[in-house]
């Protein structure tokens, strides 16, 4: 139960600074691109890079968005690939630097058909220095399934799902030890929503779609790449439409200096309905603003 304590004194300079900080944090959006750069992507890499750059351009054009972009390249596990498994580019505000990194991506290596998809997504969720209160997205781009996905899917669906992953050197278990459940659990733990851009169907589309839906995201085929951008923009618009009100709620709670507040009293103070306050508290809670 929360109790409400009304502040009658004026907000101090320190509190004003806190307000400014809270407003900046409410606008934070962190996105990590996860892209397959094995040799089989040779025919797709330019289209994939174009889509990533388009996402970067569209989102950075939104003045409401306080944007950071990260990148993870993945290939395959040795001995199928001896170049690298994942290569991480940290989240950065320097969008020109990220554009350069994307433009320099080159396909190479790889062995069997499946790739280190799980490791790429896992490292993006776990290794990125996500800002504490940001909206977080991972955009997975590739043309191949993860190792042992066919076996996992058959076990989960009781053998009714037809999905073949031919030439899998690790058809029983990915050498990373990861599977759909552990990867999406890591995404959930880090409040990351996964979207997929599949360059092939069903090889990449089926596993990308399964993982994306388990985090609340979606998967699109490469010829519908704009759908990914539109979906992310729609999510942000829906959330950002509430930023002004969420800021008021957060400021009121912060000004109290006490997390033991009453929802009804807060609604009366802000002259809104209880349901509006509850919805705002839910949004703020999901982003960790009310932790502790």
Protein backbone atom coordinates (compact mmCIF):
# COMPACT_ATOMS: atom_id res chain seq x y z
CA UNK A 1 0.00 0.00 0.00
CA UNK A 2 1.28 3.43 -0.89
CA UNK A 3 0.59 6.56 1.19
CA UNK A 4 0.63 10.10 -0.25
CA UNK A 5 2.61 12.99 1.24
CA UNK A 6 1.82 16.39 -0.31
CA UNK A 7 4.69 18.85 -0.62
CA UNK A 8 3.72 22.42 0.23
CA UNK A 9 7.18 23.97 -0.09
CA UNK A 10 8.65 25.13 -3.42
CA UNK A 11 10.96 22.87 -5.36
CA UNK A 12 14.62 23.57 -4.65
CA UNK A 13 17.34 24.23 -7.23
CA UNK A 14 18.59 20.70 -6.64
CA UNK A 15 15.13 19.34 -7.35
CA UNK A 16 14.97 21.41 -10.55
CA UNK A 17 18.22 19.78 -11.65
CA UNK A 18 16.71 16.40 -10.82
CA UNK A 19 13.69 17.27 -12.99
CA UNK A 20 15.95 18.06 -15.91
CA UNK A 21 17.80 14.78 -15.41
CA UNK A 22 14.54 12.84 -15.25
CA UNK A 23 13.30 14.43 -18.45
CA UNK A 24 16.51 13.48 -20.25
CA UNK A 25 16.25 9.90 -19.02
CA UNK A 26 12.63 9.59 -20.10
CA UNK A 27 13.71 10.26 -23.72
CA UNK A 28 16.47 7.63 -23.82
CA UNK A 29 16.41 5.00 -26.57
CA UNK A 30 19.21 2.42 -26.90
CA UNK A 31 19.37 0.19 -29.99
CA UNK A 32 21.88 -2.54 -30.79
CA UNK A 33 22.17 -3.96 -34.30
CA UNK A 34 23.16 -7.65 -34.40
CA UNK A 35 24.28 -8.71 -37.85
CA UNK A 36 25.56 -11.91 -39.43
CA UNK A 37 28.75 -11.16 -41.41
CA UNK A 38 29.63 -14.69 -42.53
CA UNK A 39 30.40 -15.43 -46.17
CA UNK A 40 26.83 -16.49 -46.99
CA UNK A 41 25.74 -12.90 -46.35
CA UNK A 42 27.78 -11.78 -49.35
CA UNK A 43 24.69 -11.44 -51.52
CA UNK A 44 22.73 -9.68 -48.79
CA UNK A 45 25.23 -7.52 -46.96
CA UNK A 46 24.67 -4.33 -48.95
CA UNK A 47 20.91 -4.56 -48.54
CA UNK A 48 21.33 -5.31 -44.84
CA UNK A 49 23.67 -2.35 -44.32
CA UNK A 50 21.24 -0.09 -46.19
CA UNK A 51 18.44 -1.12 -43.83
CA UNK A 52 20.57 -0.50 -40.74
CA UNK A 53 21.56 2.94 -42.00
CA UNK A 54 17.92 3.72 -42.74
CA UNK A 55 16.95 2.83 -39.16
CA UNK A 56 19.77 5.03 -37.91
CA UNK A 57 18.70 7.94 -40.13
CA UNK A 58 15.00 7.73 -39.33
CA UNK A 59 15.39 7.47 -35.57
CA UNK A 60 18.11 10.11 -35.30
CA UNK A 61 15.83 12.53 -37.16
CA UNK A 62 13.37 12.39 -34.25
CA UNK A 63 14.32 15.27 -31.97
CA UNK A 64 12.44 13.67 -29.06
CA UNK A 65 14.78 10.67 -29.06
CA UNK A 66 17.96 10.66 -26.98
CA UNK A 67 19.57 7.92 -29.06
CA UNK A 68 22.52 5.57 -28.54
CA UNK A 69 23.43 2.91 -31.12
CA UNK A 70 25.52 -0.23 -30.66
CA UNK A 71 26.54 -3.05 -32.96
CA UNK A 72 27.42 -6.74 -32.68
CA UNK A 73 28.82 -8.69 -35.61
CA UNK A 74 28.63 -12.46 -35.37
CA UNK A 75 30.02 -15.30 -37.43
CA UNK A 76 30.39 -18.87 -36.17
CA UNK A 77 32.08 -20.99 -33.54
CA UNK A 78 35.45 -22.62 -34.23
CA UNK A 79 36.43 -24.72 -36.02
CA UNK A 80 33.65 -23.74 -38.45
CA UNK A 81 34.97 -20.17 -38.34
CA UNK A 82 38.34 -19.08 -36.97
CA UNK A 83 38.02 -15.31 -37.43
CA UNK A 84 35.74 -14.41 -34.49
CA UNK A 85 32.47 -15.48 -32.91
CA UNK A 86 31.24 -12.00 -32.01
CA UNK A 87 32.71 -8.54 -32.38
CA UNK A 88 31.20 -5.83 -30.18
CA UNK A 89 30.92 -2.11 -30.91
CA UNK A 90 29.71 -0.35 -27.71
CA UNK A 91 26.69 1.93 -27.57
CA UNK A 92 27.62 5.40 -28.74
CA UNK A 93 26.04 8.80 -29.26
CA UNK A 94 28.44 9.31 -32.19
CA UNK A 95 26.15 8.33 -35.04
CA UNK A 96 28.72 9.18 -37.73
CA UNK A 97 31.13 6.76 -36.11
CA UNK A 98 28.44 4.06 -36.11
CA UNK A 99 27.60 4.79 -39.75
CA UNK A 100 31.26 4.26 -40.59
CA UNK A 101 31.34 0.96 -38.66
CA UNK A 102 28.25 -0.26 -40.52
CA UNK A 103 29.65 0.76 -43.90
CA UNK A 104 32.85 -1.16 -43.18
CA UNK A 105 31.10 -4.46 -42.44
CA UNK A 106 32.36 -7.19 -44.77
CA UNK A 107 31.24 -10.81 -45.16
CA UNK A 108 33.74 -13.58 -44.64
CA UNK A 109 34.34 -16.92 -43.00
CA UNK A 110 31.63 -19.28 -41.89
CA UNK A 111 31.46 -23.00 -42.42
CA UNK A 112 28.24 -24.97 -42.09
CA UNK A 113 24.81 -23.44 -42.72
CA UNK A 114 23.77 -22.34 -39.18
CA UNK A 115 25.70 -19.56 -37.45
CA UNK A 116 26.39 -18.19 -33.96
CA UNK A 117 23.04 -16.40 -33.86
CA UNK A 118 22.38 -17.15 -30.20
CA UNK A 119 25.78 -15.81 -29.16
CA UNK A 120 25.25 -12.61 -31.15
CA UNK A 121 21.91 -11.85 -29.52
CA UNK A 122 23.10 -12.93 -26.07
CA UNK A 123 26.17 -10.70 -26.23
CA UNK A 124 24.08 -7.75 -27.41
CA UNK A 125 21.72 -8.13 -24.45
CA UNK A 126 24.42 -8.88 -21.89
CA UNK A 127 27.47 -6.87 -23.01
CA UNK A 128 25.92 -3.57 -24.10
CA UNK A 129 26.12 -0.88 -21.39
CA UNK A 130 22.42 -0.11 -21.53
CA UNK A 131 21.43 3.11 -19.84
CA UNK A 132 19.49 2.50 -16.66
CA UNK A 133 16.10 3.76 -17.83
CA UNK A 134 16.30 3.53 -21.64
CA UNK A 135 13.91 1.90 -24.07
CA UNK A 136 15.98 -0.99 -25.41
CA UNK A 137 15.83 -2.72 -28.77
CA UNK A 138 17.94 -5.34 -30.54
CA UNK A 139 17.60 -5.64 -34.31
CA UNK A 140 18.83 -9.05 -35.53
CA UNK A 141 19.81 -9.28 -39.20
CA UNK A 142 20.92 -12.46 -40.94
CA UNK A 143 20.28 -15.27 -43.40
CA UNK A 144 20.85 -18.40 -41.30
CA UNK A 145 19.39 -20.13 -38.24
CA UNK A 146 21.15 -20.78 -34.93
CA UNK A 147 22.80 -24.14 -34.30
CA UNK A 148 20.46 -26.90 -33.07
CA UNK A 149 17.35 -24.77 -33.66
CA UNK A 150 15.68 -27.53 -35.71
CA UNK A 151 16.02 -29.96 -32.80
CA UNK A 152 14.78 -27.39 -30.28
CA UNK A 153 11.74 -26.56 -32.40
CA UNK A 154 10.87 -30.22 -32.93
CA UNK A 155 11.05 -30.89 -29.19
CA UNK A 156 8.91 -27.87 -28.35
CA UNK A 157 6.26 -28.55 -30.98
CA UNK A 158 6.21 -32.32 -30.50
CA UNK A 159 7.58 -32.93 -33.95
CA UNK A 160 4.72 -31.17 -35.75
CA UNK A 161 6.78 -28.20 -36.93
CA UNK A 162 8.59 -28.85 -40.22
CA UNK A 163 11.91 -27.03 -40.14
CA UNK A 164 15.12 -28.51 -41.47
CA UNK A 165 18.54 -27.07 -40.79
CA UNK A 166 20.81 -28.98 -43.16
CA UNK A 167 24.54 -29.31 -42.62
CA UNK A 168 24.51 -28.35 -38.93
CA UNK A 169 27.83 -29.29 -37.31
CA UNK A 170 26.15 -28.98 -33.91
CA UNK A 171 22.65 -30.28 -34.57
CA UNK A 172 22.11 -31.46 -30.98
CA UNK A 173 23.28 -28.39 -29.06
CA UNK A 174 24.87 -25.07 -29.92
CA UNK A 175 28.49 -25.02 -28.66
CA UNK A 176 27.66 -21.84 -26.77
CA UNK A 177 25.26 -23.85 -24.60
CA UNK A 178 22.54 -21.34 -25.48
CA UNK A 179 19.08 -21.93 -26.90
CA UNK A 180 15.93 -19.91 -27.59
CA UNK A 181 14.90 -19.93 -23.92
CA UNK A 182 18.23 -18.79 -22.48
CA UNK A 183 18.70 -16.07 -25.09
CA UNK A 184 15.21 -14.62 -24.71
CA UNK A 185 15.52 -14.87 -20.91
CA UNK A 186 18.64 -12.71 -21.13
CA UNK A 187 16.70 -10.25 -23.28
CA UNK A 188 13.89 -10.13 -20.74
CA UNK A 189 16.33 -9.75 -17.86
CA UNK A 190 17.78 -6.69 -19.58
CA UNK A 191 14.39 -5.30 -20.69
CA UNK A 192 15.31 -5.73 -24.36
CA UNK A 193 12.74 -6.14 -27.12
CA UNK A 194 14.07 -8.13 -30.08
CA UNK A 195 13.18 -7.50 -33.71
CA UNK A 196 14.30 -9.62 -36.64
CA UNK A 197 15.14 -8.77 -40.24
CA UNK A 198 15.41 -12.12 -42.05
CA UNK A 199 17.24 -12.19 -45.35
CA UNK A 200 15.92 -15.70 -46.14
CA UNK A 201 12.77 -17.71 -45.51
CA UNK A 202 12.31 -20.00 -43.72
CA UNK A 203 15.96 -20.51 -42.70
CA UNK A 204 16.30 -17.21 -40.85
CA UNK A 205 12.67 -16.14 -40.70
CA UNK A 206 11.40 -18.99 -38.53
CA UNK A 207 14.00 -18.79 -35.71
CA UNK A 208 14.14 -14.99 -35.77
CA UNK A 209 10.35 -14.84 -35.52
CA UNK A 210 10.26 -17.30 -32.60
CA UNK A 211 12.85 -15.34 -30.62
CA UNK A 212 11.36 -11.96 -31.45
CA UNK A 213 7.83 -12.91 -30.43
CA UNK A 214 9.07 -14.30 -27.11
CA UNK A 215 10.37 -10.82 -26.26
CA UNK A 216 7.31 -8.96 -27.53
CA UNK A 217 8.91 -8.07 -30.86
CA UNK A 218 8.37 -9.13 -34.47
CA UNK A 219 10.27 -10.44 -37.48
CA UNK A 220 10.15 -9.08 -41.02
CA UNK A 221 11.53 -10.39 -44.28
CA UNK A 222 14.17 -8.20 -45.92
CA UNK A 223 11.79 -6.96 -48.60
CA UNK A 224 9.66 -5.53 -45.80
CA UNK A 225 12.55 -3.95 -43.95
CA UNK A 226 10.67 -0.68 -43.54
CA UNK A 227 8.23 -2.61 -41.35
CA UNK A 228 10.89 -2.88 -38.65
CA UNK A 229 11.43 0.88 -38.65
CA UNK A 230 7.71 1.60 -38.66
CA UNK A 231 7.11 -0.80 -35.78
CA UNK A 232 9.86 0.70 -33.61
CA UNK A 233 8.68 4.21 -34.45
CA UNK A 234 5.10 3.27 -33.54
CA UNK A 235 6.22 1.87 -30.19
CA UNK A 236 8.21 5.00 -29.42
CA UNK A 237 5.36 7.27 -30.51
CA UNK A 238 2.97 5.39 -28.22
CA UNK A 239 5.39 5.72 -25.33
CA UNK A 240 6.52 9.27 -26.07
CA UNK A 241 2.93 10.48 -26.31
CA UNK A 242 2.82 9.82 -22.57
CA UNK A 243 6.18 11.40 -21.70
CA UNK A 244 4.77 14.72 -20.51
CA UNK A 245 2.33 13.03 -18.16
CA UNK A 246 4.84 10.43 -16.97
CA UNK A 247 7.24 13.27 -16.21
CA UNK A 248 4.59 14.92 -14.01
CA UNK A 249 3.94 11.67 -12.15
CA UNK A 250 7.65 11.00 -11.69
CA UNK A 251 8.30 14.55 -10.51
CA UNK A 252 5.48 14.29 -7.99
CA UNK A 253 6.83 11.02 -6.61
CA UNK A 254 10.41 12.32 -6.59
CA UNK A 255 9.39 15.54 -4.82
CA UNK A 256 7.80 13.50 -2.05
CA UNK A 257 11.11 11.85 -1.30
CA UNK A 258 9.13 8.78 -0.29
CA UNK A 259 7.99 5.76 -2.30
CA UNK A 260 5.11 5.11 0.09
CA UNK A 261 2.42 7.03 -1.80
CA UNK A 262 -1.29 6.58 -2.39
CA UNK A 263 -2.42 6.32 -6.00
CA UNK A 264 -5.77 7.97 -5.29
CA UNK A 265 -4.09 10.95 -3.63
CA UNK A 266 -1.65 11.30 -6.52
CA UNK A 267 -4.54 11.24 -9.02
CA UNK A 268 -6.35 13.95 -7.05
CA UNK A 269 -3.21 16.09 -6.88
CA UNK A 270 -2.66 15.82 -10.66
CA UNK A 271 -6.39 16.12 -11.44
CA UNK A 272 -6.49 12.91 -13.48
CA UNK A 273 -8.12 9.50 -13.13
CA UNK A 274 -6.70 6.70 -10.99
CA UNK A 275 -6.38 4.54 -14.12
CA UNK A 276 -4.17 7.16 -15.79
CA UNK A 277 -1.89 7.23 -12.75
CA UNK A 278 -1.75 3.43 -12.58
CA UNK A 279 -0.85 3.24 -16.29
CA UNK A 280 1.90 5.81 -15.82
CA UNK A 281 3.31 4.02 -12.77
CA UNK A 282 3.33 0.78 -14.78
CA UNK A 283 5.29 2.42 -17.61
CA UNK A 284 7.75 4.01 -15.20
CA UNK A 285 8.13 0.78 -13.26
CA UNK A 286 8.98 -1.23 -16.38
CA UNK A 287 11.85 1.14 -17.05
CA UNK A 288 13.16 0.94 -13.49
CA UNK A 289 12.32 4.51 -12.46
CA UNK A 290 10.58 3.28 -9.31
CA UNK A 291 13.17 0.71 -8.23
CA UNK A 292 14.02 1.07 -4.56
